[in-house]
Amino acid sequence: MSGDDLRAGLERLVLKNSRLELEAVADEQELNFDLGFDSHALLNLLLDIEDEYKIEVPPEKIPDLIGKPFGVLVDLVRQSVESK
């Protein structure tokens, strides 16, 4: 899977799970402040990511995503996909 395909798939999942009406996601947008993710929405997003990419996001990584930009999520998922 190319990096562009991964990013596009993650953007689709972010748009699906966000509490805001968004049309696009930039790498520097923060998941909770800019993209409207509270803890419940973030958990739903991570569950969708795990299902979509057949990976497991380590529970200890979840706090690392709070207040972080979308690009950090892309990197985390890319690492998990590449290491499986």
Foldseek 3Di string as FASTA:
>chain_A
DDLVVLLVVLQVLLCVLAPDNDDTFDQQAQSCPRRPDDPVSLVVSQVVLCVVLVFHQPPVCSVVRHRGGNNVVSVSSVVRSVVD
